[in-house]
Amino acid sequence: MNIYDIAREAGVSISTVSRVINNKTNVTPATRAKIQAVLDKHQYAPSAIARGLVAHSMKTVAIMAVDLRVPHYAYTTYVIEQEFTKRNYNVMVCNTGGTLEETRRYAAELAQRQIDGVVLVGSVFNTLGQDPEVARALQGMPVVLANGTLPWPQAYSVPVDDSLGVQLAVRHLAQKGHQHIVYVKDRDTAAAQHKQNGFVAEMQAHGLACGEDVIFATPYGLDGGKHAAAQILAQKKRPTAVVCAEDLTAVGVLKALTKAGINVPGDIAVTGYNNSEYSEICTPELTSVNNKGEEAAVVCAQLLEARIEGKEFTPPQTILPELVVRESS
């Protein structure tokens, strides 16, 4: 039983049946009742594609994330998905792994499915989105970047001031009397660069040394943090504080220092970034920058919905992080 059969049995046009199915108002009560009786009789359920063609919307959005193994990206994706589910949208989640190949593949698939819009989670899309294949695939739909920017007319940003976030950590440590502070960088993205810039700027503001010898590059995660700690402990002059770009990496630093007999924060203070659950389940609990991932995710959903449905919505210019002080500093 299809829409043509329904229209034939009800003795009305296909467009009238379509208006009833899509809850349009320009149908008389008597005609609506007659059509609804036929729909109920045959337990008719219109396909999502058919609805989309009539409404000019598939009520489907996508979230393209860098790496869902990373708690910050996973939680941001979860909040966006929940926000759109509450708005009766279908949500596709695409885990790209941060590779250009996967980003191209997902972008092409989303274009074929004619989705209504997409949220990009991860500042790596600042670079991946510049790829011509990705740009062509996504050019016909509104795109919102969580903490990123793209030079597209249909691209919108929800930025977080990551530079300020790290500045707050350095400021906190400097005010506690720390003179020799080092930084652990564990990614190579736009957000990571902003964090490093914040570290350098705040160190300079306090007249503290901030050359290459106080910045340690390491892989993201526990092992990366342990590797960075080993490098730090090998220095002739040990620092009194370590600022890390991510919580999980900071936990790796903390564990390695503790294992080496270093008292945290008595000998060396440690701070993280993201204010994730990792910051509360380690010992001592980790001082961390709350970059307000939930707030950013909600704004992303509100902004994309507004662009899809032609609503007015003015997002905050920039989301400002806050420092959550715990035992490690």
C-alpha atoms as a PDB file:
ATOM      1  CA  MET A   1       0.000   0.000   0.000  1.00  0.00           C
ATOM      2  CA  ASN A   2       1.514   3.312  -1.092  1.00  0.00           C
ATOM      3  CA  ILE A   3       0.377   6.928  -1.170  1.00  0.00           C
ATOM      4  CA  TYR A   4      -1.241   6.444  -4.592  1.00  0.00           C
ATOM      5  CA  ASP A   5      -3.372   3.558  -3.257  1.00  0.00           C
ATOM      6  CA  ILE A   6      -4.391   5.639  -0.244  1.00  0.00           C
ATOM      7  CA  ALA A   7      -5.453   8.544  -2.457  1.00  0.00           C
ATOM      8  CA  ARG A   8      -7.420   6.225  -4.757  1.00  0.00           C
ATOM      9  CA  GLU A   9      -9.338   4.560  -1.918  1.00  0.00           C
ATOM     10  CA  ALA A  10     -10.064   7.862  -0.158  1.00  0.00           C
ATOM     11  CA  GLY A  11     -11.140   9.513  -3.415  1.00  0.00           C
ATOM     12  CA  VAL A  12      -8.758  12.445  -3.086  1.00  0.00           C
ATOM     13  CA  SER A  13      -5.612  13.689  -4.749  1.00  0.00           C
ATOM     14  CA  ILE A  14      -2.116  12.528  -3.839  1.00  0.00           C
ATOM     15  CA  SER A  15      -1.226  16.046  -2.677  1.00  0.00           C
ATOM     16  CA  THR A  16      -4.154  16.050  -0.239  1.00  0.00           C
ATOM     17  CA  VAL A  17      -2.990  12.753   1.253  1.00  0.00           C
ATOM     18  CA  SER A  18       0.503  14.214   1.506  1.00  0.00           C
ATOM     19  CA  ARG A  19      -0.813  17.257   3.384  1.00  0.00           C
ATOM     20  CA  VAL A  20      -2.568  15.003   5.906  1.00  0.00           C
ATOM     21  CA  ILE A  21       0.514  12.822   6.393  1.00  0.00           C
ATOM     22  CA  ASN A  22       2.674  15.892   6.984  1.00  0.00           C
ATOM     23  CA  ASN A  23       0.118  17.578   9.289  1.00  0.00           C
ATOM     24  CA  LYS A  24      -0.515  20.542   7.008  1.00  0.00           C
ATOM     25  CA  THR A  25      -3.429  22.780   7.968  1.00  0.00           C
ATOM     26  CA  ASN A  26      -5.101  23.384   4.615  1.00  0.00           C
ATOM     27  CA  VAL A  27      -7.318  20.262   4.691  1.00  0.00           C
ATOM     28  CA  THR A  28     -10.964  20.268   5.854  1.00  0.00           C
ATOM     29  CA  PRO A  29     -11.751  18.226   8.990  1.00  0.00           C
ATOM     30  CA  ALA A  30     -14.054  15.898   7.053  1.00  0.00           C
ATOM     31  CA  THR A  31     -11.466  15.154   4.381  1.00  0.00           C
ATOM     32  CA  ARG A  32      -8.745  14.702   6.985  1.00  0.00           C
ATOM     33  CA  ALA A  33     -10.912  12.218   8.901  1.00  0.00           C
ATOM     34  CA  LYS A  34     -11.673  10.251   5.733  1.00  0.00           C
ATOM     35  CA  ILE A  35      -8.015   9.998   4.757  1.00  0.00           C
ATOM     36  CA  GLN A  36      -6.931   9.152   8.284  1.00  0.00           C
ATOM     37  CA  ALA A  37      -9.462   6.309   8.386  1.00  0.00           C
ATOM     38  CA  VAL A  38      -7.903   4.782   5.267  1.00  0.00           C
ATOM     39  CA  LEU A  39      -4.391   5.282   6.679  1.00  0.00           C
ATOM     40  CA  ASP A  40      -5.379   3.566   9.925  1.00  0.00           C
ATOM     41  CA  LYS A  41      -7.164   0.756   8.106  1.00  0.00           C
ATOM     42  CA  HIS A  42      -4.012  -0.199   6.214  1.00  0.00           C
ATOM     43  CA  GLN A  43      -1.601   0.772   9.041  1.00  0.00           C
ATOM     44  CA  TYR A  44       0.158   3.010   6.556  1.00  0.00           C
ATOM     45  CA  ALA A  45       3.582   4.303   7.609  1.00  0.00           C
ATOM     46  CA  PRO A  46       5.170   6.795   5.173  1.00  0.00           C
ATOM     47  CA  SER A  47       8.877   6.375   4.490  1.00  0.00           C
ATOM     48  CA  ALA A  48      11.319   8.916   5.808  1.00  0.00           C
ATOM     49  CA  ILE A  49      12.442   9.601   2.245  1.00  0.00           C
ATOM     50  CA  ALA A  50       8.891  10.363   1.137  1.00  0.00           C
ATOM     51  CA  ARG A  51       8.405  12.717   4.060  1.00  0.00           C
ATOM     52  CA  GLY A  52      11.697  14.388   3.290  1.00  0.00           C
ATOM     53  CA  LEU A  53      10.821  15.015  -0.317  1.00  0.00           C
ATOM     54  CA  VAL A  54       7.588  16.720   0.680  1.00  0.00           C
ATOM     55  CA  ALA A  55       8.995  18.679   3.601  1.00  0.00           C
ATOM     56  CA  HIS A  56      12.292  19.481   1.817  1.00  0.00           C
ATOM     57  CA  SER A  57      14.072  18.098   4.881  1.00  0.00           C
ATOM     58  CA  MET A  58      15.232  14.607   5.763  1.00  0.00           C
ATOM     59  CA  LYS A  59      15.249  15.531   9.485  1.00  0.00           C
ATOM     60  CA  THR A  60      18.710  13.966   9.581  1.00  0.00           C
ATOM     61  CA  VAL A  61      21.985  15.489  10.692  1.00  0.00           C
ATOM     62  CA  ALA A  62      25.473  14.072  10.982  1.00  0.00           C
ATOM     63  CA  ILE A  63      28.265  14.468  13.502  1.00  0.00           C
ATOM     64  CA  MET A  64      31.763  13.956  12.116  1.00  0.00           C
ATOM     65  CA  ALA A  65      34.218  13.456  14.977  1.00  0.00           C
ATOM     66  CA  VAL A  66      37.988  13.134  14.981  1.00  0.00           C
ATOM     67  CA  ASP A  67      38.353  10.157  17.312  1.00  0.00           C
ATOM     68  CA  LEU A  68      35.603   8.858  19.592  1.00  0.00           C
ATOM     69  CA  ARG A  69      38.168   7.078  21.755  1.00  0.00           C
ATOM     70  CA  VAL A  70      39.068  10.506  23.133  1.00  0.00           C
ATOM     71  CA  PRO A  71      36.678  11.297  26.016  1.00  0.00           C
ATOM     72  CA  HIS A  72      36.332  14.998  25.161  1.00  0.00           C
ATOM     73  CA  TYR A  73      35.264  14.270  21.580  1.00  0.00           C
ATOM     74  CA  ALA A  74      33.041  11.395  22.677  1.00  0.00           C
ATOM     75  CA  TYR A  75      31.201  13.508  25.229  1.00  0.00           C
ATOM     76  CA  THR A  76      30.780  16.428  22.832  1.00  0.00           C
ATOM     77  CA  THR A  77      29.339  14.051  20.237  1.00  0.00           C
ATOM     78  CA  TYR A  78      27.015  12.491  22.809  1.00  0.00           C
ATOM     79  CA  VAL A  79      25.583  15.846  23.895  1.00  0.00           C
ATOM     80  CA  ILE A  80      25.015  16.982  20.295  1.00  0.00           C
ATOM     81  CA  GLU A  81      23.322  13.662  19.469  1.00  0.00           C
ATOM     82  CA  GLN A  82      21.030  13.954  22.485  1.00  0.00           C
ATOM     83  CA  GLU A  83      20.112  17.547  21.644  1.00  0.00           C
ATOM     84  CA  PHE A  84      19.071  16.609  18.114  1.00  0.00           C
ATOM     85  CA  THR A  85      17.241  13.490  19.266  1.00  0.00           C
ATOM     86  CA  LYS A  86      15.153  15.714  21.552  1.00  0.00           C
ATOM     87  CA  ARG A  87      14.343  17.779  18.468  1.00  0.00           C
ATOM     88  CA  ASN A  88      13.126  14.660  16.599  1.00  0.00           C
ATOM     89  CA  TYR A  89      16.088  14.517  14.227  1.00  0.00           C
ATOM     90  CA  ASN A  90      17.830  11.343  13.153  1.00  0.00           C
ATOM     91  CA  VAL A  91      21.560  11.501  13.848  1.00  0.00           C
ATOM     92  CA  MET A  92      24.434   9.817  12.013  1.00  0.00           C
ATOM     93  CA  VAL A  93      27.742   9.595  13.876  1.00  0.00           C
ATOM     94  CA  CYS A  94      30.882   9.383  11.735  1.00  0.00           C
ATOM     95  CA  ASN A  95      34.171   8.526  13.433  1.00  0.00           C
ATOM     96  CA  THR A  96      36.821   9.681  10.963  1.00  0.00           C
ATOM     97  CA  GLY A  97      39.933   8.915  12.992  1.00  0.00           C
ATOM     98  CA  GLY A  98      41.188  12.310  11.866  1.00  0.00           C
ATOM     99  CA  THR A  99      42.333  10.982   8.477  1.00  0.00           C
ATOM    100  CA  LEU A 100      41.725  12.723   5.170  1.00  0.00           C
ATOM    101  CA  GLU A 101      40.690   9.459   3.507  1.00  0.00           C
ATOM    102  CA  GLU A 102      37.928   8.745   6.029  1.00  0.00           C
ATOM    103  CA  THR A 103      36.813  12.383   6.055  1.00  0.00           C
ATOM    104  CA  ARG A 104      36.440  12.300   2.272  1.00  0.00           C
ATOM    105  CA  ARG A 105      34.513   9.015   2.409  1.00  0.00           C
ATOM    106  CA  TYR A 106      32.078  10.209   5.044  1.00  0.00           C
ATOM    107  CA  ALA A 107      31.592  13.599   3.365  1.00  0.00           C
ATOM    108  CA  ALA A 108      30.678  11.892   0.070  1.00  0.00           C
ATOM    109  CA  GLU A 109      28.255   9.571   1.837  1.00  0.00           C
ATOM    110  CA  LEU A 110      26.551  12.430   3.653  1.00  0.00           C
ATOM    111  CA  ALA A 111      26.113  14.304   0.372  1.00  0.00           C
ATOM    112  CA  GLN A 112      24.488  11.243  -1.220  1.00  0.00           C
ATOM    113  CA  ARG A 113      22.097  10.856   1.703  1.00  0.00           C
ATOM    114  CA  GLN A 114      21.038  14.503   1.374  1.00  0.00           C
ATOM    115  CA  ILE A 115      21.283  15.151   5.094  1.00  0.00           C
ATOM    116  CA  ASP A 116      20.209  18.536   6.426  1.00  0.00           C
ATOM    117  CA  GLY A 117      23.449  19.569   8.109  1.00  0.00           C
ATOM    118  CA  VAL A 118      26.614  18.448   9.864  1.00  0.00           C
ATOM    119  CA  VAL A 119      28.606  19.263  12.992  1.00  0.00           C
ATOM    120  CA  LEU A 120      32.381  18.803  12.821  1.00  0.00           C
ATOM    121  CA  VAL A 121      33.923  17.919  16.194  1.00  0.00           C
ATOM    122  CA  GLY A 122      37.657  18.569  16.401  1.00  0.00           C
ATOM    123  CA  SER A 123      39.828  21.473  15.295  1.00  0.00           C
ATOM    124  CA  VAL A 124      41.643  19.133  12.883  1.00  0.00           C
ATOM    125  CA  PHE A 125      38.737  19.824  10.513  1.00  0.00           C
ATOM    126  CA  ASN A 126      40.150  23.328  10.089  1.00  0.00           C
ATOM    127  CA  THR A 127      42.687  21.595   7.858  1.00  0.00           C
ATOM    128  CA  LEU A 128      40.756  18.567   6.576  1.00  0.00           C
ATOM    129  CA  GLY A 129      37.844  20.770   5.553  1.00  0.00           C
ATOM    130  CA  GLN A 130      40.099  22.707   3.183  1.00  0.00           C
ATOM    131  CA  ASP A 131      40.419  19.611   1.003  1.00  0.00           C
ATOM    132  CA  PRO A 132      38.589  20.240  -2.328  1.00  0.00           C
ATOM    133  CA  GLU A 133      36.775  16.875  -2.243  1.00  0.00           C
ATOM    134  CA  VAL A 134      35.486  17.447   1.278  1.00  0.00           C
ATOM    135  CA  ALA A 135      34.493  21.035   0.484  1.00  0.00           C
ATOM    136  CA  ARG A 136      32.556  20.002  -2.637  1.00  0.00           C
ATOM    137  CA  ALA A 137      30.708  17.235  -0.813  1.00  0.00           C
ATOM    138  CA  LEU A 138      29.586  19.456   2.064  1.00  0.00           C
ATOM    139  CA  GLN A 139      29.007  22.711   0.209  1.00  0.00           C
ATOM    140  CA  GLY A 140      25.253  22.212  -0.163  1.00  0.00           C
ATOM    141  CA  MET A 141      24.465  22.007   3.561  1.00  0.00           C
ATOM    142  CA  PRO A 142      25.004  24.116   6.693  1.00  0.00           C
ATOM    143  CA  VAL A 143      28.089  23.078   8.647  1.00  0.00           C
ATOM    144  CA  VAL A 144      28.870  23.943  12.271  1.00  0.00           C
ATOM    145  CA  LEU A 145      32.380  23.507  13.663  1.00  0.00           C
ATOM    146  CA  ALA A 146      32.861  22.814  17.338  1.00  0.00           C
ATOM    147  CA  ASN A 147      35.935  24.915  18.122  1.00  0.00           C
ATOM    148  CA  GLY A 148      37.014  25.391  14.532  1.00  0.00           C
ATOM    149  CA  THR A 149      36.657  27.630  11.483  1.00  0.00           C
ATOM    150  CA  LEU A 150      36.309  27.115   7.741  1.00  0.00           C
ATOM    151  CA  PRO A 151      36.148  29.768   4.967  1.00  0.00           C
ATOM    152  CA  TRP A 152      32.801  28.568   3.602  1.00  0.00           C
ATOM    153  CA  PRO A 153      29.693  30.776   3.358  1.00  0.00           C
ATOM    154  CA  GLN A 154      27.584  28.000   4.936  1.00  0.00           C
ATOM    155  CA  ALA A 155      30.073  27.194   7.728  1.00  0.00           C
ATOM    156  CA  TYR A 156      29.514  28.477  11.259  1.00  0.00           C
ATOM    157  CA  SER A 157      31.795  28.298  14.295  1.00  0.00           C
ATOM    158  CA  VAL A 158      31.394  27.758  18.020  1.00  0.00           C
ATOM    159  CA  PRO A 159      34.887  28.737  19.232  1.00  0.00           C
ATOM    160  CA  VAL A 160      36.421  28.033  22.625  1.00  0.00           C
ATOM    161  CA  ASP A 161      39.263  30.237  23.872  1.00  0.00           C
ATOM    162  CA  ASP A 162      41.841  27.488  24.406  1.00  0.00           C
ATOM    163  CA  SER A 163      44.615  30.048  24.666  1.00  0.00           C
ATOM    164  CA  LEU A 164      42.894  31.597  27.674  1.00  0.00           C
ATOM    165  CA  GLY A 165      42.406  28.142  29.206  1.00  0.00           C
ATOM    166  CA  VAL A 166      46.134  27.448  29.380  1.00  0.00           C
ATOM    167  CA  GLN A 167      46.829  31.012  30.456  1.00  0.00           C
ATOM    168  CA  LEU A 168      44.578  30.430  33.473  1.00  0.00           C
ATOM    169  CA  ALA A 169      46.598  27.350  34.437  1.00  0.00           C
ATOM    170  CA  VAL A 170      49.936  29.167  34.129  1.00  0.00           C
ATOM    171  CA  ARG A 171      48.573  32.189  36.013  1.00  0.00           C
ATOM    172  CA  HIS A 172      47.401  29.965  38.854  1.00  0.00           C
ATOM    173  CA  LEU A 173      50.822  28.313  39.138  1.00  0.00           C
ATOM    174  CA  ALA A 174      52.745  31.594  38.896  1.00  0.00           C
ATOM    175  CA  GLN A 175      50.595  33.101  41.636  1.00  0.00           C
ATOM    176  CA  LYS A 176      51.496  30.140  43.840  1.00  0.00           C
ATOM    177  CA  GLY A 177      55.164  31.021  43.397  1.00  0.00           C
ATOM    178  CA  HIS A 178      56.244  28.610  40.653  1.00  0.00           C
ATOM    179  CA  GLN A 179      59.118  30.015  38.604  1.00  0.00           C
ATOM    180  CA  HIS A 180      60.104  27.017  36.470  1.00  0.00           C
ATOM    181  CA  ILE A 181      57.015  25.800  34.604  1.00  0.00           C
ATOM    182  CA  VAL A 182      57.072  23.449  31.596  1.00  0.00           C
ATOM    183  CA  TYR A 183      54.430  22.601  29.028  1.00  0.00           C
ATOM    184  CA  VAL A 184      53.487  19.190  27.590  1.00  0.00           C
ATOM    185  CA  LYS A 185      52.028  19.355  24.082  1.00  0.00           C
ATOM    186  CA  ASP A 186      50.404  16.142  22.821  1.00  0.00           C
ATOM    187  CA  ARG A 187      48.641  17.065  19.582  1.00  0.00           C
ATOM    188  CA  ASP A 188      49.284  18.989  16.382  1.00  0.00           C
ATOM    189  CA  THR A 189      45.969  20.734  15.713  1.00  0.00           C
ATOM    190  CA  ALA A 190      44.729  24.307  15.619  1.00  0.00           C
ATOM    191  CA  ALA A 191      43.458  24.002  19.196  1.00  0.00           C
ATOM    192  CA  ALA A 192      46.803  22.581  20.315  1.00  0.00           C
ATOM    193  CA  GLN A 193      48.603  25.559  18.796  1.00  0.00           C
ATOM    194  CA  HIS A 194      46.258  27.984  20.544  1.00  0.00           C
ATOM    195  CA  LYS A 195      47.001  26.256  23.856  1.00  0.00           C
ATOM    196  CA  GLN A 196      50.752  26.503  23.304  1.00  0.00           C
ATOM    197  CA  ASN A 197      50.400  30.172  22.339  1.00  0.00           C
ATOM    198  CA  GLY A 198      48.535  30.748  25.587  1.00  0.00           C
ATOM    199  CA  PHE A 199      51.313  29.099  27.562  1.00  0.00           C
ATOM    200  CA  VAL A 200      53.996  31.261  25.956  1.00  0.00           C
ATOM    201  CA  ALA A 201      51.967  34.471  26.342  1.00  0.00           C
ATOM    202  CA  GLU A 202      51.258  33.927  30.040  1.00  0.00           C
ATOM    203  CA  MET A 203      54.831  32.869  30.826  1.00  0.00           C
ATOM    204  CA  GLN A 204      56.065  36.072  29.188  1.00  0.00           C
ATOM    205  CA  ALA A 205      53.485  38.089  31.126  1.00  0.00           C
ATOM    206  CA  HIS A 206      55.042  36.808  34.363  1.00  0.00           C
ATOM    207  CA  GLY A 207      58.624  37.253  33.150  1.00  0.00           C
ATOM    208  CA  LEU A 208      59.250  33.487  33.118  1.00  0.00           C
ATOM    209  CA  ALA A 209      61.479  31.567  30.699  1.00  0.00           C
ATOM    210  CA  CYS A 210      59.449  30.083  27.838  1.00  0.00           C
ATOM    211  CA  GLY A 211      61.911  28.840  25.227  1.00  0.00           C
ATOM    212  CA  GLU A 212      61.848  25.528  23.398  1.00  0.00           C
ATOM    213  CA  ASP A 213      63.522  23.811  26.365  1.00  0.00           C
ATOM    214  CA  VAL A 214      60.342  24.150  28.455  1.00  0.00           C
ATOM    215  CA  ILE A 215      57.976  22.719  25.818  1.00  0.00           C
ATOM    216  CA  PHE A 216      57.863  18.931  25.539  1.00  0.00           C
ATOM    217  CA  ALA A 217      56.120  17.229  22.583  1.00  0.00           C
ATOM    218  CA  THR A 218      54.716  13.765  23.235  1.00  0.00           C
ATOM    219  CA  PRO A 219      51.922  11.477  21.952  1.00  0.00           C
ATOM    220  CA  TYR A 220      48.465  11.897  23.465  1.00  0.00           C
ATOM    221  CA  GLY A 221      47.502   9.600  26.345  1.00  0.00           C
ATOM    222  CA  LEU A 222      48.883   7.828  29.393  1.00  0.00           C
ATOM    223  CA  ASP A 223      51.992   6.515  27.657  1.00  0.00           C
ATOM    224  CA  GLY A 224      52.657   9.907  26.140  1.00  0.00           C
ATOM    225  CA  GLY A 225      52.413  11.493  29.563  1.00  0.00           C
ATOM    226  CA  LYS A 226      54.805   8.935  31.053  1.00  0.00           C
ATOM    227  CA  HIS A 227      57.248   9.573  28.209  1.00  0.00           C
ATOM    228  CA  ALA A 228      57.072  13.328  28.816  1.00  0.00           C
ATOM    229  CA  ALA A 229      57.633  12.811  32.555  1.00  0.00           C
ATOM    230  CA  ALA A 230      60.767  10.787  31.825  1.00  0.00           C
ATOM    231  CA  GLN A 231      62.100  13.649  29.686  1.00  0.00           C
ATOM    232  CA  ILE A 232      61.248  16.181  32.365  1.00  0.00           C
ATOM    233  CA  LEU A 233      62.944  14.197  35.133  1.00  0.00           C
ATOM    234  CA  ALA A 234      66.066  13.875  32.993  1.00  0.00           C
ATOM    235  CA  GLN A 235      66.540  17.658  32.980  1.00  0.00           C
ATOM    236  CA  LYS A 236      69.425  19.053  35.029  1.00  0.00           C
ATOM    237  CA  LYS A 237      67.073  21.591  36.544  1.00  0.00           C
ATOM    238  CA  ARG A 238      63.739  19.995  37.342  1.00  0.00           C
ATOM    239  CA  PRO A 239      60.634  22.151  36.940  1.00  0.00           C
ATOM    240  CA  THR A 240      58.342  22.890  39.845  1.00  0.00           C
ATOM    241  CA  ALA A 241      55.171  22.655  37.728  1.00  0.00           C
ATOM    242  CA  VAL A 242      53.930  20.913  34.567  1.00  0.00           C
ATOM    243  CA  VAL A 243      51.058  22.229  32.430  1.00  0.00           C
ATOM    244  CA  CYS A 244      49.529  19.571  30.169  1.00  0.00           C
ATOM    245  CA  ALA A 245      47.350  20.064  27.096  1.00  0.00           C
ATOM    246  CA  GLU A 246      44.986  17.148  27.913  1.00  0.00           C
ATOM    247  CA  ASP A 247      43.798  15.419  31.079  1.00  0.00           C
ATOM    248  CA  LEU A 248      44.743  11.868  30.101  1.00  0.00           C
ATOM    249  CA  THR A 249      48.270  12.936  29.226  1.00  0.00           C
ATOM    250  CA  ALA A 250      48.453  14.805  32.525  1.00  0.00           C
ATOM    251  CA  VAL A 251      47.414  11.657  34.393  1.00  0.00           C
ATOM    252  CA  GLY A 252      50.284   9.829  32.658  1.00  0.00           C
ATOM    253  CA  VAL A 253      52.686  12.538  33.829  1.00  0.00           C
ATOM    254  CA  LEU A 254      51.279  12.376  37.350  1.00  0.00           C
ATOM    255  CA  LYS A 255      51.557   8.575  37.562  1.00  0.00           C
ATOM    256  CA  ALA A 256      55.146   8.582  36.310  1.00  0.00           C
ATOM    257  CA  LEU A 257      56.192  11.309  38.729  1.00  0.00           C
ATOM    258  CA  THR A 258      54.581   9.515  41.656  1.00  0.00           C
ATOM    259  CA  LYS A 259      56.245   6.237  40.692  1.00  0.00           C
ATOM    260  CA  ALA A 260      59.600   8.027  40.620  1.00  0.00           C
ATOM    261  CA  GLY A 261      59.072   9.189  44.206  1.00  0.00           C
ATOM    262  CA  ILE A 262      58.140  12.758  43.290  1.00  0.00           C
ATOM    263  CA  ASN A 263      55.522  14.328  45.541  1.00  0.00           C
ATOM    264  CA  VAL A 264      52.666  15.986  43.641  1.00  0.00           C
ATOM    265  CA  PRO A 265      52.142  18.850  44.259  1.00  0.00           C
ATOM    266  CA  GLY A 266      54.841  19.239  46.935  1.00  0.00           C
ATOM    267  CA  ASP A 267      57.772  18.734  44.555  1.00  0.00           C
ATOM    268  CA  ILE A 268      56.087  19.251  41.179  1.00  0.00           C
ATOM    269  CA  ALA A 269      52.566  20.541  40.530  1.00  0.00           C
ATOM    270  CA  VAL A 270      50.580  19.201  37.545  1.00  0.00           C
ATOM    271  CA  THR A 271      47.593  20.611  35.637  1.00  0.00           C
ATOM    272  CA  GLY A 272      45.459  19.136  32.866  1.00  0.00           C
ATOM    273  CA  TYR A 273      42.901  20.309  30.338  1.00  0.00           C
ATOM    274  CA  ASN A 274      39.229  19.409  29.618  1.00  0.00           C
ATOM    275  CA  ASN A 275      38.081  18.804  33.217  1.00  0.00           C
ATOM    276  CA  SER A 276      37.192  15.233  32.266  1.00  0.00           C
ATOM    277  CA  GLU A 277      36.417  12.356  34.625  1.00  0.00           C
ATOM    278  CA  TYR A 278      40.108  11.483  34.514  1.00  0.00           C
ATOM    279  CA  SER A 279      40.833  14.601  36.546  1.00  0.00           C
ATOM    280  CA  GLU A 280      38.737  13.334  39.461  1.00  0.00           C
ATOM    281  CA  ILE A 281      39.570   9.609  39.522  1.00  0.00           C
ATOM    282  CA  CYS A 282      43.351   9.972  39.772  1.00  0.00           C
ATOM    283  CA  THR A 283      45.332  10.489  42.994  1.00  0.00           C
ATOM    284  CA  PRO A 284      45.887  13.280  43.748  1.00  0.00           C
ATOM    285  CA  GLU A 285      42.881  14.762  41.942  1.00  0.00           C
ATOM    286  CA  LEU A 286      43.960  16.842  38.981  1.00  0.00           C
ATOM    287  CA  THR A 287      43.657  20.589  38.622  1.00  0.00           C
ATOM    288  CA  SER A 288      42.191  21.038  35.145  1.00  0.00           C
ATOM    289  CA  VAL A 289      40.823  23.613  32.727  1.00  0.00           C
ATOM    290  CA  ASN A 290      37.086  23.308  32.187  1.00  0.00           C
ATOM    291  CA  ASN A 291      36.677  24.203  28.522  1.00  0.00           C
ATOM    292  CA  LYS A 292      32.893  23.803  28.846  1.00  0.00           C
ATOM    293  CA  GLY A 293      32.472  21.053  26.296  1.00  0.00           C
ATOM    294  CA  GLU A 294      28.809  20.510  27.170  1.00  0.00           C
ATOM    295  CA  GLU A 295      27.975  24.176  26.686  1.00  0.00           C
ATOM    296  CA  ALA A 296      29.787  24.226  23.342  1.00  0.00           C
ATOM    297  CA  ALA A 297      27.985  21.069  22.204  1.00  0.00           C
ATOM    298  CA  VAL A 298      24.549  22.466  23.072  1.00  0.00           C
ATOM    299  CA  VAL A 299      25.325  25.700  21.212  1.00  0.00           C
ATOM    300  CA  CYS A 300      26.464  23.678  18.173  1.00  0.00           C
ATOM    301  CA  ALA A 301      23.117  21.872  18.097  1.00  0.00           C
ATOM    302  CA  GLN A 302      21.125  25.074  18.554  1.00  0.00           C
ATOM    303  CA  LEU A 303      23.077  26.855  15.841  1.00  0.00           C
ATOM    304  CA  LEU A 304      22.775  24.052  13.284  1.00  0.00           C
ATOM    305  CA  GLU A 305      19.052  23.612  13.930  1.00  0.00           C
ATOM    306  CA  ALA A 306      18.533  27.352  13.485  1.00  0.00           C
ATOM    307  CA  ARG A 307      20.376  27.345  10.155  1.00  0.00           C
ATOM    308  CA  ILE A 308      18.461  24.297   8.906  1.00  0.00           C
ATOM    309  CA  GLU A 309      15.043  25.624   9.891  1.00  0.00           C
ATOM    310  CA  GLY A 310      15.629  29.297   9.155  1.00  0.00           C
ATOM    311  CA  LYS A 311      15.298  30.401  12.775  1.00  0.00           C
ATOM    312  CA  GLU A 312      16.978  33.325  14.492  1.00  0.00           C
ATOM    313  CA  PHE A 313      19.783  32.324  16.851  1.00  0.00           C
ATOM    314  CA  THR A 314      22.842  34.299  17.886  1.00  0.00           C
ATOM    315  CA  PRO A 315      25.486  32.105  19.532  1.00  0.00           C
ATOM    316  CA  PRO A 316      28.035  33.476  22.014  1.00  0.00           C
ATOM    317  CA  GLN A 317      31.080  34.884  20.249  1.00  0.00           C
ATOM    318  CA  THR A 318      33.511  32.686  22.193  1.00  0.00           C
ATOM    319  CA  ILE A 319      33.139  30.194  25.044  1.00  0.00           C
ATOM    320  CA  LEU A 320      35.466  31.102  27.899  1.00  0.00           C
ATOM    321  CA  PRO A 321      37.118  28.298  29.919  1.00  0.00           C
ATOM    322  CA  GLU A 322      37.510  28.256  33.702  1.00  0.00           C
ATOM    323  CA  LEU A 323      40.147  26.652  35.909  1.00  0.00           C
ATOM    324  CA  VAL A 324      39.025  23.976  38.376  1.00  0.00           C
ATOM    325  CA  VAL A 325      41.624  23.806  41.165  1.00  0.00           C
ATOM    326  CA  ARG A 326      42.107  20.424  42.829  1.00  0.00           C
ATOM    327  CA  GLU A 327      44.841  18.639  44.761  1.00  0.00           C
ATOM    328  CA  SER A 328      47.583  18.392  42.115  1.00  0.00           C
ATOM    329  CA  SER A 329      48.507  22.068  42.280  1.00  0.00           C
END
